[in-house]
Protein backbone atom coordinates (compact mmCIF):
# COMPACT_ATOMS: atom_id res chain seq x y z
CA MET A 1 0.00 0.00 0.00
CA ASP A 2 1.34 3.41 -0.93
CA LEU A 3 1.38 5.74 2.06
CA HIS A 4 0.72 8.85 -0.06
CA PHE A 5 -3.01 9.12 0.56
CA GLY A 6 -3.61 12.48 -1.11
CA ASP A 7 -5.48 11.07 -4.14
CA SER A 8 -7.33 8.27 -2.36
CA LYS A 9 -11.04 8.84 -2.00
CA PRO A 10 -13.29 6.87 0.33
CA THR A 11 -16.35 5.18 -1.12
CA ASP A 12 -19.82 6.06 0.13
CA GLU A 13 -19.87 2.76 2.06
CA GLU A 14 -16.56 3.58 3.76
CA ARG A 15 -17.76 7.06 4.71
CA ALA A 16 -20.99 5.56 6.07
CA ALA A 17 -19.06 3.03 8.17
CA VAL A 18 -16.82 5.68 9.74
CA ASP A 19 -19.62 8.23 10.15
CA ALA A 20 -21.81 5.61 11.87
CA LEU A 21 -19.09 5.30 14.50
CA LEU A 22 -17.93 8.92 14.81
CA GLY A 23 -20.97 10.88 13.69
CA PRO A 24 -20.98 13.11 10.62
CA PRO A 25 -17.99 15.42 10.09
CA GLU A 26 -18.58 18.89 11.47
CA SER A 27 -16.31 20.70 9.02
CA ALA A 28 -14.26 20.12 5.90
CA TRP A 29 -11.16 19.90 8.07
CA GLU A 30 -12.68 16.80 9.63
CA GLY A 31 -13.54 15.09 6.37
CA ALA A 32 -16.56 16.80 4.86
CA ASP A 33 -16.53 17.15 1.07
CA ASP A 34 -16.82 20.90 0.63
CA ARG A 35 -15.18 23.69 2.55
CA SER A 36 -17.37 26.62 3.46
CA ASP A 37 -16.14 30.17 4.03
CA ALA A 38 -16.25 29.48 7.77
CA ASP A 39 -13.98 26.45 7.33
CA LEU A 40 -11.37 28.68 5.70
CA ARG A 41 -11.30 31.00 8.73
CA TRP A 42 -10.94 28.48 11.53
CA ALA A 43 -10.74 24.74 12.08
CA ARG A 44 -12.72 22.74 14.59
CA GLY A 45 -11.20 19.62 16.03
CA GLY A 46 -7.76 20.02 17.58
CA ARG A 47 -7.76 18.74 21.13
CA ALA A 48 -11.29 17.28 20.88
CA ALA A 49 -10.32 15.30 17.78
CA ARG A 50 -7.07 14.11 19.36
CA GLU A 51 -9.04 12.86 22.36
CA ARG A 52 -10.92 10.48 20.03
CA ARG A 53 -7.76 8.75 18.77
CA ASP A 54 -8.79 5.70 20.79
CA GLN A 55 -11.45 5.19 18.11
CA LEU A 56 -8.82 4.10 15.53
CA LEU A 57 -9.23 0.38 16.20
CA PRO A 58 -13.07 0.53 16.31
CA GLY A 59 -12.91 2.59 13.10
CA LEU A 60 -10.77 -0.04 11.37
CA HIS A 61 -13.27 -2.68 12.49
CA ALA A 62 -16.11 -0.57 11.10
CA LEU A 63 -14.41 -0.31 7.70
CA ASN A 64 -13.39 -3.97 7.58
CA ASP A 65 -16.84 -5.16 8.71
CA ARG A 66 -18.73 -2.97 6.22
CA VAL A 67 -16.51 -3.28 3.14
CA GLY A 68 -14.45 -6.41 3.85
CA TRP A 69 -11.09 -4.68 3.79
CA VAL A 70 -9.41 -1.36 4.63
CA SER A 71 -8.70 0.64 1.47
CA GLU A 72 -6.35 3.60 1.18
CA GLY A 73 -9.32 5.95 0.81
CA GLY A 74 -11.16 4.48 3.79
CA LEU A 75 -8.03 4.57 5.96
CA ASP A 76 -7.30 8.15 4.90
CA TYR A 77 -10.84 9.24 5.75
CA LEU A 78 -10.70 7.57 9.17
CA CYS A 79 -7.27 9.05 9.90
CA ARG A 80 -8.38 12.57 8.90
CA ARG A 81 -11.45 12.26 11.12
CA LEU A 82 -9.28 11.21 14.09
CA THR A 83 -6.20 13.36 13.31
CA VAL A 84 -4.08 10.22 13.21
CA PRO A 85 -1.13 10.12 10.80
CA PRO A 86 -1.95 7.70 7.94
CA ALA A 87 1.30 5.77 8.53
CA GLU A 88 0.19 5.12 12.13
CA GLY A 89 -3.24 3.95 10.98
CA TYR A 90 -1.65 1.70 8.36
CA GLY A 91 0.66 0.24 11.02
CA VAL A 92 -2.33 -0.70 13.17
CA ALA A 93 -4.31 -2.06 10.19
CA THR A 94 -1.45 -4.31 9.10
CA PHE A 95 -0.59 -5.46 12.63
CA TYR A 96 -3.88 -7.29 13.18
CA SER A 97 -4.36 -10.35 10.99
CA MET A 98 -8.16 -10.05 10.83
CA PHE A 99 -7.86 -6.80 8.85
CA SER A 100 -6.91 -6.76 5.19
CA VAL A 101 -5.41 -3.81 3.32
CA ARG A 102 -5.95 -5.57 0.01
CA PRO A 103 -9.25 -6.23 -1.73
CA ARG A 104 -10.84 -9.56 -0.89
CA PRO A 105 -14.28 -11.14 -1.21
CA ALA A 106 -17.00 -10.09 1.23
CA THR A 107 -17.07 -13.61 2.70
CA VAL A 108 -13.92 -14.88 4.40
CA VAL A 109 -13.41 -18.25 6.04
CA ARG A 110 -10.64 -17.93 8.64
CA VAL A 111 -9.19 -21.31 9.62
CA CYS A 112 -7.10 -21.50 12.78
CA THR A 113 -3.66 -22.90 12.06
CA ASP A 114 -2.32 -22.40 15.58
CA LEU A 115 -0.49 -25.33 17.17
CA ALA A 116 -3.42 -26.07 19.50
CA CYS A 117 -5.72 -26.45 16.48
CA GLY A 118 -3.83 -29.36 14.99
CA GLY A 119 -5.15 -30.07 11.50
CA GLY A 120 -5.94 -26.47 10.68
CA VAL A 121 -3.65 -26.33 7.64
CA GLU A 122 -5.26 -29.48 6.21
CA LEU A 123 -8.73 -28.12 6.95
CA CYS A 124 -7.82 -24.86 5.19
CA GLY A 125 -6.79 -26.82 2.08
CA ALA A 126 -9.93 -28.96 2.20
CA VAL A 127 -12.22 -25.92 2.51
CA GLU A 128 -10.47 -24.21 -0.43
CA ALA A 129 -10.79 -27.37 -2.54
CA ARG A 130 -14.46 -27.84 -1.68
CA LEU A 131 -15.45 -24.23 -2.33
CA GLY A 132 -13.41 -23.84 -5.49
CA PRO A 133 -11.93 -20.63 -6.90
CA ALA A 134 -15.21 -19.36 -8.39
CA SER A 135 -17.05 -19.39 -5.05
CA GLY A 136 -16.34 -15.74 -4.22
CA VAL A 137 -15.13 -16.81 -0.78
CA ALA A 138 -11.62 -16.20 0.54
CA VAL A 139 -10.08 -18.89 2.74
CA GLU A 140 -7.32 -17.58 5.00
CA GLN A 141 -5.08 -19.11 7.62
CA SER A 142 -5.55 -17.45 10.99
CA PRO A 143 -3.83 -17.31 14.35
CA CYS A 144 -5.79 -18.55 17.36
CA LEU A 145 -9.54 -17.94 17.18
CA GLY A 146 -10.08 -18.80 20.84
CA LEU A 147 -12.04 -21.98 20.05
CA CYS A 148 -9.39 -24.51 21.09
CA GLU A 149 -11.96 -26.88 22.61
CA ARG A 150 -13.50 -27.27 19.12
CA ALA A 151 -10.24 -27.69 17.19
CA PRO A 152 -9.68 -27.37 14.34
CA ALA A 153 -11.69 -24.17 14.34
CA ALA A 154 -12.96 -21.91 11.57
CA LEU A 155 -14.70 -18.56 11.59
CA VAL A 156 -16.86 -17.33 8.71
CA VAL A 157 -17.12 -13.54 8.39
CA ARG A 158 -19.31 -11.71 5.87
CA ALA A 159 -18.82 -7.99 5.28
CA GLY A 160 -21.69 -5.70 4.44
CA PRO A 161 -24.02 -3.08 5.81
CA PRO A 162 -25.19 -3.70 9.35
CA ALA A 163 -28.21 -5.93 9.68
CA VAL A 164 -31.48 -4.16 10.35
CA LEU A 165 -33.56 -6.08 12.81
CA SER A 166 -37.26 -5.49 12.82
CA PRO A 167 -38.98 -5.59 16.18
CA THR A 168 -40.69 -8.81 17.07
CA PRO A 169 -44.44 -8.59 16.97
CA PRO A 170 -46.10 -8.76 20.42
């Protein structure tokens, strides 16, 4: 991933994921599309924005969960909203194995290949063979999923807009 984010634009889905977590941007300095005359005179954010830096990890989850991966545009938008340097955001996004900074299908099967999950590598190969390359599903090896008592373990994750639950009738 190129760390020069100047030309990267977030998609509407990426903006929606970040804005659902942080609320809409209050000014163009915080990520809004157009700068007003007021935005050119003063910038909101500063200390208040820096105090929300703890939202970087939840923001990365929001992007990954909604879109399936963290794009340059999505990461740039999140980092601008939180006043986090893009290189720092990229470092966090690439540190955690559940995030991807490369495009991948919306459905991912993560198979634990940790030592405690003996047979995980074989299971990963079997799942890939059964699904086939045209399935639109990515199969990835994963560190521990915390399901050691059910080894070998797999986790299926599907990215997309949050589910809307209708109330149950009385």
